Amino acid sequence: MPCVPNGGSQLRPRRVCRAHEENIAGHNKSSLLTDVPTKTLRHSDVMPIIGEPDEPVKPTKEEMMHANTNHASVLEDIKAPVRVKLAALWATLMFVYVYVDILSFYKPGVIEDILAGTVWKLEITQAWAFGALGLMTIPILMVFLSLVLPAQANRMTNIIVASLYVVVSVGNAVGEHWAYWFAFAALVEVVVLALVIWYSCTWPRTEPQLSSDSLLPAYAALGLRQTL
């Protein structure tokens, strides 16, 4: 039975009218949300609508290569300290020295001169061997000294020794018959030694860090000594 407004002739309890209105609203709402008939749906009717779950799509080889390129890790790049660079340069110089001396044995007449007791028109004696060993001992030791000497002494030692060995490298190429071969060897040696000098001259500098103990004399001179 429909509800009658307050001015009507029929009066019904308020809870009955409210239940009737909710019933009508629920019917209207259900009719707006779905157009499916109110018959019972079978499983075969629902499955074509829902569909079977799709299998995961496998990426192609090109897509995987592109993804690997975009997400490639960045190579670690650590800046080498000056000490390590200097030691590596001296080791490089020693390799050049050794291979120049070994390959010079293939020059015609060298083996015959050695058997005759002469090298570079110099007589092979114990003094000559001692001098040659001393000449090569210095750059050998520079590999180690470049790593352990204090910074200031390290810098000056590398500049002085490298400058002297530039003269040695150029002097070894003077008067040789194989001009191109010895000139190339001397050029490589001079370039390596020039890098030693350049890295030594451009040795990085740091600002001195003042501690509380180093400031005490200044406080005392100014009459401002205080407890730190």
Protein backbone atom coordinates (compact mmCIF):
# COMPACT_ATOMS: atom_id res chain seq x y z
CA MET A 1 0.00 0.00 0.00
CA PRO A 2 1.58 3.32 -1.01
CA CYS A 3 2.54 5.91 1.55
CA VAL A 4 0.33 8.98 1.75
CA PRO A 5 1.82 12.44 2.36
CA ASN A 6 1.16 14.21 5.63
CA GLY A 7 -1.79 16.03 4.14
CA GLY A 8 -3.47 12.80 2.94
CA SER A 9 -6.36 11.01 4.44
CA GLN A 10 -4.55 7.82 5.20
CA LEU A 11 -1.84 7.54 7.80
CA ARG A 12 0.66 4.68 8.04
CA PRO A 13 3.50 4.12 10.44
CA ARG A 14 6.71 5.92 9.47
CA ARG A 15 8.83 2.73 9.48
CA VAL A 16 6.54 1.07 6.93
CA CYS A 17 6.80 4.05 4.55
CA ARG A 18 10.58 4.12 4.88
CA ALA A 19 10.86 0.41 4.09
CA HIS A 20 8.66 0.88 1.07
CA GLU A 21 10.80 3.75 -0.21
CA GLU A 22 14.03 1.75 0.22
CA ASN A 23 12.49 -1.13 -1.69
CA ILE A 24 11.64 1.15 -4.61
CA ALA A 25 15.09 2.79 -4.58
CA GLY A 26 16.82 -0.59 -4.58
CA HIS A 27 14.75 -1.75 -7.54
CA ASN A 28 15.55 1.37 -9.53
CA LYS A 29 19.29 1.13 -8.68
CA SER A 30 19.51 -2.50 -9.80
CA SER A 31 17.89 -1.66 -13.08
CA LEU A 32 20.43 1.09 -13.78
CA LEU A 33 23.57 -0.98 -13.01
CA THR A 34 22.89 -4.02 -15.20
CA ASP A 35 21.06 -4.94 -18.34
CA VAL A 36 21.48 -8.69 -17.90
CA PRO A 37 18.17 -10.57 -17.71
CA THR A 38 17.31 -12.00 -14.33
CA LYS A 39 17.60 -15.55 -15.52
CA THR A 40 20.13 -17.96 -14.08
CA LEU A 41 23.46 -17.81 -15.97
CA ARG A 42 25.21 -21.03 -16.76
CA HIS A 43 28.97 -21.56 -16.61
CA SER A 44 29.14 -21.83 -20.39
CA ASP A 45 27.47 -18.42 -20.68
CA VAL A 46 29.94 -16.72 -18.37
CA MET A 47 33.22 -18.18 -19.66
CA PRO A 48 33.10 -16.57 -23.14
CA ILE A 49 32.65 -13.20 -21.44
CA ILE A 50 35.40 -13.64 -18.89
CA GLY A 51 37.77 -15.53 -21.15
CA GLU A 52 40.73 -17.73 -20.31
CA PRO A 53 43.75 -16.10 -18.59
CA ASP A 54 46.38 -15.07 -21.12
CA GLU A 55 49.84 -16.66 -21.00
CA PRO A 56 52.74 -14.26 -20.28
CA VAL A 57 54.22 -12.85 -23.48
CA LYS A 58 57.89 -13.72 -23.88
CA PRO A 59 60.09 -10.82 -25.02
CA THR A 60 61.90 -11.16 -28.32
CA LYS A 61 65.65 -11.35 -28.62
CA GLU A 62 65.84 -7.76 -29.91
CA GLU A 63 63.78 -6.50 -26.96
CA MET A 64 66.03 -8.32 -24.48
CA MET A 65 69.17 -6.88 -26.08
CA HIS A 66 67.66 -3.39 -25.98
CA ALA A 67 66.73 -3.81 -22.31
CA ASN A 68 70.21 -5.03 -21.42
CA THR A 69 71.73 -2.02 -23.20
CA ASN A 70 69.53 0.45 -21.36
CA HIS A 71 70.13 -1.14 -17.95
CA ALA A 72 73.85 -1.83 -18.38
CA SER A 73 75.84 -1.10 -15.24
CA VAL A 74 78.32 1.76 -15.28
CA LEU A 75 81.96 0.71 -15.16
CA GLU A 76 83.80 1.66 -12.02
CA ASP A 77 86.31 4.42 -12.69
CA ILE A 78 88.78 5.10 -9.89
CA LYS A 79 91.29 7.92 -10.30
CA ALA A 80 94.84 6.64 -9.85
CA PRO A 81 97.00 8.55 -7.35
CA VAL A 82 100.07 10.39 -8.64
CA ARG A 83 102.37 7.94 -6.85
CA VAL A 84 100.88 5.00 -8.75
CA LYS A 85 101.14 6.84 -12.08
CA LEU A 86 104.80 7.62 -11.48
CA ALA A 87 105.63 4.05 -10.48
CA ALA A 88 103.83 2.72 -13.56
CA LEU A 89 105.77 5.11 -15.82
CA TRP A 90 109.14 4.02 -14.39
CA ALA A 91 108.15 0.37 -14.85
CA THR A 92 107.19 1.15 -18.44
CA LEU A 93 110.55 2.80 -19.03
CA MET A 94 112.35 -0.28 -17.74
CA PHE A 95 110.43 -2.54 -20.15
CA VAL A 96 111.48 -0.28 -23.03
CA TYR A 97 115.12 -0.36 -21.90
CA VAL A 98 115.14 -4.14 -21.66
CA TYR A 99 113.57 -4.77 -25.08
CA VAL A 100 115.81 -2.22 -26.80
CA ASP A 101 118.87 -3.98 -25.40
CA ILE A 102 117.56 -7.46 -26.28
CA LEU A 103 116.57 -6.53 -29.83
CA SER A 104 119.90 -4.77 -30.37
CA PHE A 105 121.56 -8.20 -30.27
CA TYR A 106 120.03 -8.88 -33.70
CA LYS A 107 121.97 -6.02 -35.25
CA PRO A 108 124.72 -7.49 -37.43
CA GLY A 109 128.12 -7.47 -35.77
CA VAL A 110 126.89 -7.02 -32.18
CA ILE A 111 127.40 -10.64 -31.13
CA GLU A 112 130.86 -10.70 -32.74
CA ASP A 113 131.84 -7.51 -30.86
CA ILE A 114 130.63 -8.95 -27.54
CA LEU A 115 132.64 -12.13 -28.12
CA ALA A 116 135.62 -9.95 -28.90
CA GLY A 117 135.13 -8.09 -25.61
CA THR A 118 133.78 -4.74 -26.82
CA VAL A 119 130.41 -2.99 -26.57
CA TRP A 120 129.81 0.35 -28.32
CA LYS A 121 133.58 0.46 -28.87
CA LEU A 122 134.08 0.18 -25.12
CA GLU A 123 136.05 -2.66 -23.60
CA ILE A 124 133.95 -5.00 -21.51
CA THR A 125 135.42 -4.87 -18.01
CA GLN A 126 134.15 -5.17 -14.49
CA ALA A 127 134.07 -1.37 -14.22
CA TRP A 128 131.96 -1.13 -17.37
CA ALA A 129 129.54 -3.76 -16.07
CA PHE A 130 129.33 -2.01 -12.71
CA GLY A 131 128.57 1.31 -14.39
CA ALA A 132 125.89 -0.21 -16.63
CA LEU A 133 124.28 -1.90 -13.64
CA GLY A 134 124.31 1.33 -11.64
CA LEU A 135 122.78 3.22 -14.57
CA MET A 136 119.85 0.80 -14.68
CA THR A 137 119.50 0.41 -10.90
CA ILE A 138 118.33 4.00 -10.46
CA PRO A 139 115.16 3.76 -12.61
CA ILE A 140 114.47 0.32 -11.12
CA LEU A 141 114.53 1.80 -7.61
CA MET A 142 112.35 4.71 -8.75
CA VAL A 143 109.44 2.28 -9.16
CA PHE A 144 109.52 1.66 -5.41
CA LEU A 145 110.63 5.11 -4.30
CA SER A 146 107.74 6.75 -6.16
CA LEU A 147 105.37 4.88 -3.87
CA VAL A 148 107.05 5.40 -0.48
CA LEU A 149 108.92 8.72 -0.48
CA PRO A 150 107.23 11.73 1.17
CA ALA A 151 105.35 13.93 -1.26
CA GLN A 152 107.82 16.82 -1.44
CA ALA A 153 110.90 14.60 -1.70
CA ASN A 154 109.06 12.32 -4.12
CA ARG A 155 108.20 15.20 -6.40
CA MET A 156 111.73 16.65 -6.52
CA THR A 157 113.40 13.26 -6.93
CA ASN A 158 111.21 12.34 -9.90
CA ILE A 159 111.81 15.67 -11.62
CA ILE A 160 115.62 15.49 -11.19
CA VAL A 161 116.06 11.81 -12.09
CA ALA A 162 113.70 11.95 -15.07
CA SER A 163 115.50 15.04 -16.43
CA LEU A 164 118.87 13.27 -16.21
CA TYR A 165 117.58 10.19 -17.98
CA VAL A 166 116.24 12.26 -20.86
CA VAL A 167 119.90 13.04 -21.60
CA VAL A 168 120.77 9.33 -21.28
CA SER A 169 118.04 8.27 -23.71
CA VAL A 170 119.02 10.84 -26.31
CA GLY A 171 122.72 10.00 -25.90
CA ASN A 172 122.11 6.29 -26.53
CA ALA A 173 120.65 7.06 -29.95
CA VAL A 174 123.54 9.28 -31.06
CA GLY A 175 125.92 7.64 -33.54
CA GLU A 176 123.85 4.49 -34.09
CA HIS A 177 123.70 2.98 -37.57
CA TRP A 178 120.06 1.91 -37.20
CA ALA A 179 118.88 5.51 -36.95
CA TYR A 180 115.15 4.88 -37.34
CA TRP A 181 115.02 2.07 -34.80
CA PHE A 182 117.07 3.83 -32.13
CA ALA A 183 115.32 7.16 -32.82
CA PHE A 184 111.94 5.54 -32.20
CA ALA A 185 113.20 3.89 -29.01
CA ALA A 186 114.63 7.19 -27.78
CA LEU A 187 111.36 8.98 -28.62
CA VAL A 188 109.32 6.52 -26.55
CA GLU A 189 111.72 6.83 -23.64
CA VAL A 190 111.66 10.64 -23.77
CA VAL A 191 107.83 10.69 -23.86
CA VAL A 192 107.64 8.43 -20.79
CA LEU A 193 110.17 10.58 -18.93
CA ALA A 194 108.34 13.75 -19.94
CA LEU A 195 105.16 12.32 -18.41
CA VAL A 196 107.08 11.63 -15.21
CA ILE A 197 108.20 15.26 -15.08
CA TRP A 198 104.72 16.58 -15.93
CA TYR A 199 102.92 14.49 -13.29
CA SER A 200 105.52 15.52 -10.73
CA CYS A 201 105.21 19.21 -11.53
CA THR A 202 101.40 19.06 -11.40
CA TRP A 203 101.30 17.10 -8.14
CA PRO A 204 97.92 17.91 -6.47
CA ARG A 205 98.02 20.18 -3.45
CA THR A 206 95.72 20.21 -0.41
CA GLU A 207 94.88 22.99 1.98
CA PRO A 208 96.54 22.58 5.41
CA GLN A 209 94.14 21.62 8.20
CA LEU A 210 94.64 23.65 11.39
CA SER A 211 94.28 21.78 14.68
CA SER A 212 93.62 23.25 18.09
CA ASP A 213 97.26 22.59 19.14
CA SER A 214 98.61 24.56 16.18
CA LEU A 215 96.49 27.57 17.13
CA LEU A 216 97.78 27.75 20.74
CA PRO A 217 100.92 29.79 19.90
CA ALA A 218 98.76 32.30 18.04
CA TYR A 219 96.38 32.61 20.99
CA ALA A 220 99.32 33.10 23.35
CA ALA A 221 100.84 35.81 21.17
CA LEU A 222 97.58 37.72 21.10
CA GLY A 223 96.91 37.23 24.81
CA LEU A 224 93.81 35.26 23.96
CA ARG A 225 94.89 31.84 25.25
CA GLN A 226 91.87 29.80 26.11
CA THR A 227 91.05 26.26 27.05
CA LEU A 228 90.27 24.11 24.03
